[in-house]
Protein backbone atom coordinates (compact mmCIF):
# COMPACT_ATOMS: atom_id res chain seq x y z
CA UNK A 1 -24.29 -192.86 24.67
CA UNK A 2 -25.00 -192.86 28.53
CA UNK A 3 -25.54 -189.23 28.50
CA UNK A 4 -28.22 -189.80 25.88
CA UNK A 5 -29.78 -192.57 27.79
CA UNK A 6 -29.63 -190.47 31.08
CA UNK A 7 -31.21 -187.42 29.19
CA UNK A 8 -33.80 -189.29 27.55
CA UNK A 9 -34.69 -191.29 31.27
CA UNK A 10 -34.81 -188.04 32.83
CA UNK A 11 -36.75 -186.46 29.74
CA UNK A 12 -39.47 -189.66 30.47
CA UNK A 13 -39.15 -189.01 34.33
CA UNK A 14 -40.19 -185.50 33.80
CA UNK A 15 -43.17 -185.96 31.48
CA UNK A 16 -44.46 -188.50 33.90
CA UNK A 17 -44.16 -186.53 36.74
CA UNK A 18 -45.47 -183.75 35.40
CA UNK A 19 -49.09 -183.92 36.58
CA UNK A 20 -52.10 -182.35 34.74
CA UNK A 21 -52.20 -178.81 33.79
CA UNK A 22 -55.26 -177.04 34.89
CA UNK A 23 -55.39 -175.35 31.20
CA UNK A 24 -56.97 -177.42 28.47
CA UNK A 25 -54.63 -178.71 26.06
CA UNK A 26 -54.37 -176.83 22.57
CA UNK A 27 -56.74 -177.61 19.70
CA UNK A 28 -55.65 -178.15 16.39
CA UNK A 29 -58.13 -175.95 14.72
CA UNK A 30 -59.35 -176.75 11.13
CA UNK A 31 -59.55 -174.19 8.43
CA UNK A 32 -63.19 -173.76 7.25
CA UNK A 33 -63.47 -174.40 3.45
CA UNK A 34 -66.96 -172.95 2.96
CA UNK A 35 -66.95 -170.16 0.05
CA UNK A 36 -67.85 -166.84 1.58
CA UNK A 37 -67.18 -167.38 5.36
CA UNK A 38 -64.24 -165.60 6.63
CA UNK A 39 -61.44 -163.73 4.42
CA UNK A 40 -57.72 -164.70 3.67
CA UNK A 41 -57.13 -162.17 6.85
CA UNK A 42 -59.50 -163.67 8.92
CA UNK A 43 -59.62 -167.47 8.37
CA UNK A 44 -62.62 -169.35 10.33
CA UNK A 45 -62.48 -172.62 11.90
CA UNK A 46 -64.43 -175.94 11.32
CA UNK A 47 -65.88 -177.76 14.16
CA UNK A 48 -66.72 -181.46 13.53
CA UNK A 49 -69.90 -182.17 15.34
CA UNK A 50 -71.77 -185.49 15.51
CA UNK A 51 -73.19 -185.73 11.83
CA UNK A 52 -72.69 -182.28 10.80
CA UNK A 53 -69.58 -179.59 10.59
CA UNK A 54 -70.01 -175.88 11.21
CA UNK A 55 -67.64 -173.06 11.21
CA UNK A 56 -66.54 -170.39 13.98
CA UNK A 57 -64.77 -166.83 13.89
CA UNK A 58 -61.03 -167.16 14.36
CA UNK A 59 -61.07 -165.55 17.94
CA UNK A 60 -63.43 -168.47 18.88
CA UNK A 61 -62.25 -171.11 21.76
CA UNK A 62 -63.55 -174.49 22.78
CA UNK A 63 -64.70 -174.83 26.16
CA UNK A 64 -64.07 -178.26 26.98
CA UNK A 65 -62.36 -181.16 25.11
CA UNK A 66 -62.89 -182.95 21.70
CA UNK A 67 -63.72 -186.60 22.13
CA UNK A 68 -62.88 -189.13 19.41
CA UNK A 69 -63.67 -187.34 15.81
CA UNK A 70 -65.52 -184.50 17.12
CA UNK A 71 -64.75 -181.57 18.39
CA UNK A 72 -65.87 -179.39 22.05
CA UNK A 73 -69.68 -178.92 22.09
CA UNK A 74 -69.29 -175.52 23.62
CA UNK A 75 -67.34 -172.51 22.09
CA UNK A 76 -67.03 -169.02 23.00
CA UNK A 77 -65.71 -165.60 21.58
CA UNK A 78 -65.94 -162.16 21.32
CA UNK A 79 -69.48 -161.13 21.78
CA UNK A 80 -71.12 -164.51 21.75
CA UNK A 81 -71.14 -168.24 22.72
CA UNK A 82 -72.71 -171.39 20.90
CA UNK A 83 -73.52 -174.99 22.45
CA UNK A 84 -74.25 -177.83 19.80
CA UNK A 85 -75.38 -181.41 20.61
CA UNK A 86 -77.98 -184.09 19.35
CA UNK A 87 -81.52 -184.05 19.89
CA UNK A 88 -83.84 -181.07 20.21
CA UNK A 89 -82.91 -177.87 21.95
CA UNK A 90 -84.60 -177.64 25.34
CA UNK A 91 -85.96 -173.75 24.66
CA UNK A 92 -85.37 -170.94 22.04
CA UNK A 93 -84.20 -168.30 24.60
CA UNK A 94 -80.46 -169.45 25.70
CA UNK A 95 -79.51 -170.47 29.31
CA UNK A 96 -77.77 -167.14 29.92
CA UNK A 97 -80.37 -164.64 28.98
CA UNK A 98 -81.31 -162.48 31.59
CA UNK A 99 -84.57 -160.68 31.72
CA UNK A 100 -85.24 -157.43 33.59
CA UNK A 101 -88.76 -156.69 34.35
CA UNK A 102 -90.18 -154.05 36.23
CA UNK A 103 -93.43 -152.64 37.40
CA UNK A 104 -95.42 -149.76 38.92
CA UNK A 105 -97.07 -150.33 42.51
CA UNK A 106 -100.56 -148.84 42.15
CA UNK A 107 -102.44 -147.94 45.49
CA UNK A 108 -106.09 -146.34 45.94
CA UNK A 109 -109.49 -146.89 45.09
CA UNK A 110 -109.27 -145.49 41.55
CA UNK A 111 -106.05 -145.99 40.09
CA UNK A 112 -105.10 -144.94 36.75
CA UNK A 113 -105.14 -147.40 34.38
CA UNK A 114 -101.83 -149.34 34.13
CA UNK A 115 -100.02 -148.52 30.65
CA UNK A 116 -99.64 -151.86 28.44
CA UNK A 117 -95.71 -152.51 28.14
CA UNK A 118 -94.17 -153.67 24.92
CA UNK A 119 -92.96 -157.36 24.70
CA UNK A 120 -90.01 -158.19 26.37
CA UNK A 121 -88.81 -160.65 23.46
CA UNK A 122 -89.21 -160.03 20.03
CA UNK A 123 -91.75 -162.63 18.10
CA UNK A 124 -89.86 -165.55 17.11
CA UNK A 125 -88.19 -165.51 13.67
CA UNK A 126 -87.82 -168.59 11.47
CA UNK A 127 -85.80 -168.78 8.62
CA UNK A 128 -85.54 -172.35 6.53
CA UNK A 129 -82.07 -173.46 4.91
CA UNK A 130 -81.31 -176.24 2.99
CA UNK A 131 -77.50 -176.97 3.43
CA UNK A 132 -76.35 -180.18 1.41
CA UNK A 133 -79.80 -181.12 0.40
CA UNK A 134 -80.55 -181.36 4.27
CA UNK A 135 -83.10 -179.49 6.21
CA UNK A 136 -82.40 -176.87 9.02
CA UNK A 137 -84.70 -174.20 10.62
CA UNK A 138 -83.11 -171.28 11.93
CA UNK A 139 -84.87 -169.61 14.71
CA UNK A 140 -83.92 -166.39 16.18
CA UNK A 141 -85.42 -164.41 19.38
CA UNK A 142 -84.19 -160.95 20.61
CA UNK A 143 -84.48 -160.43 24.52
CA UNK A 144 -83.39 -156.66 25.59
CA UNK A 145 -80.15 -156.68 23.39
CA UNK A 146 -79.67 -160.55 24.22
CA UNK A 147 -79.99 -162.89 20.91
CA UNK A 148 -80.65 -166.44 20.56
CA UNK A 149 -80.05 -168.00 17.51
CA UNK A 150 -81.04 -171.63 16.92
CA UNK A 151 -80.26 -173.73 14.09
CA UNK A 152 -82.00 -177.30 14.58
CA UNK A 153 -82.85 -180.37 12.12
CA UNK A 154 -85.08 -183.22 12.92
CA UNK A 155 -83.19 -185.29 10.29
CA UNK A 156 -80.71 -185.78 11.66
CA UNK A 157 -81.82 -184.84 14.90
CA UNK A 158 -79.29 -182.05 15.91
CA UNK A 159 -79.12 -178.35 17.28
CA UNK A 160 -76.36 -175.57 17.36
CA UNK A 161 -77.67 -172.44 19.77
CA UNK A 162 -75.78 -169.47 20.24
CA UNK A 163 -75.97 -166.34 22.19
CA UNK A 164 -75.08 -162.94 21.64
CA UNK A 165 -74.77 -159.45 23.19
CA UNK A 166 -74.45 -157.25 20.20
CA UNK A 167 -75.66 -156.40 16.72
CA UNK A 168 -72.28 -157.61 15.78
CA UNK A 169 -72.24 -160.94 17.72
CA UNK A 170 -75.88 -161.74 16.31
CA UNK A 171 -74.86 -161.16 12.81
CA UNK A 172 -71.68 -163.65 13.58
CA UNK A 173 -74.03 -166.29 14.92
CA UNK A 174 -76.10 -165.98 11.64
CA UNK A 175 -72.87 -166.53 9.56
CA UNK A 176 -72.18 -169.54 11.85
CA UNK A 177 -75.83 -171.34 11.24
CA UNK A 178 -75.19 -170.59 7.49
CA UNK A 179 -71.95 -172.57 7.65
CA UNK A 180 -73.51 -175.99 9.12
CA UNK A 181 -73.09 -178.63 6.61
CA UNK A 182 -74.34 -181.95 7.07
CA UNK A 183 -71.83 -185.20 6.74
CA UNK A 184 -72.84 -187.56 4.11
CA UNK A 185 -73.46 -190.66 6.63
CA UNK A 186 -76.17 -188.15 8.43
CA UNK A 187 -78.02 -187.27 5.48
């Protein structure tokens, strides 16, 4: 009996003195239950947000910690990342998008005309969705092979904004946006 008590005491002491790890604690990822999202070999994970849920690819991981009954607000994976929040998106071009612009310097009294360059970004493409009777607008902008895809709603006032750096990453983000579902209390 003394050995058991000594072992338990030592275990409790080690747990109390262990300090905090610099790595985030593992997150219990929930399976996505939306038909058509993922495959039996590639099960997507459900993310619980404030008033809604969505799904992310199996290799995506949270950046940050969950709070109460909601998951981390930032997620990242192969070829992309996203942030969700309540309110409105600040911009339809992601914060990590880098635009490269170059120009010619012309000297002289009769320079040749400067050619007009094509726009750096594509025109904004809007696609309305109606998950669970709610209303979402998905906005997509591509700037120099960097995509920003934003799904947002005014009721409830939420958004999910993702950035991708390849066609494949952009396609994954489109599927993430299609997997947004509102909870019954948010409708």
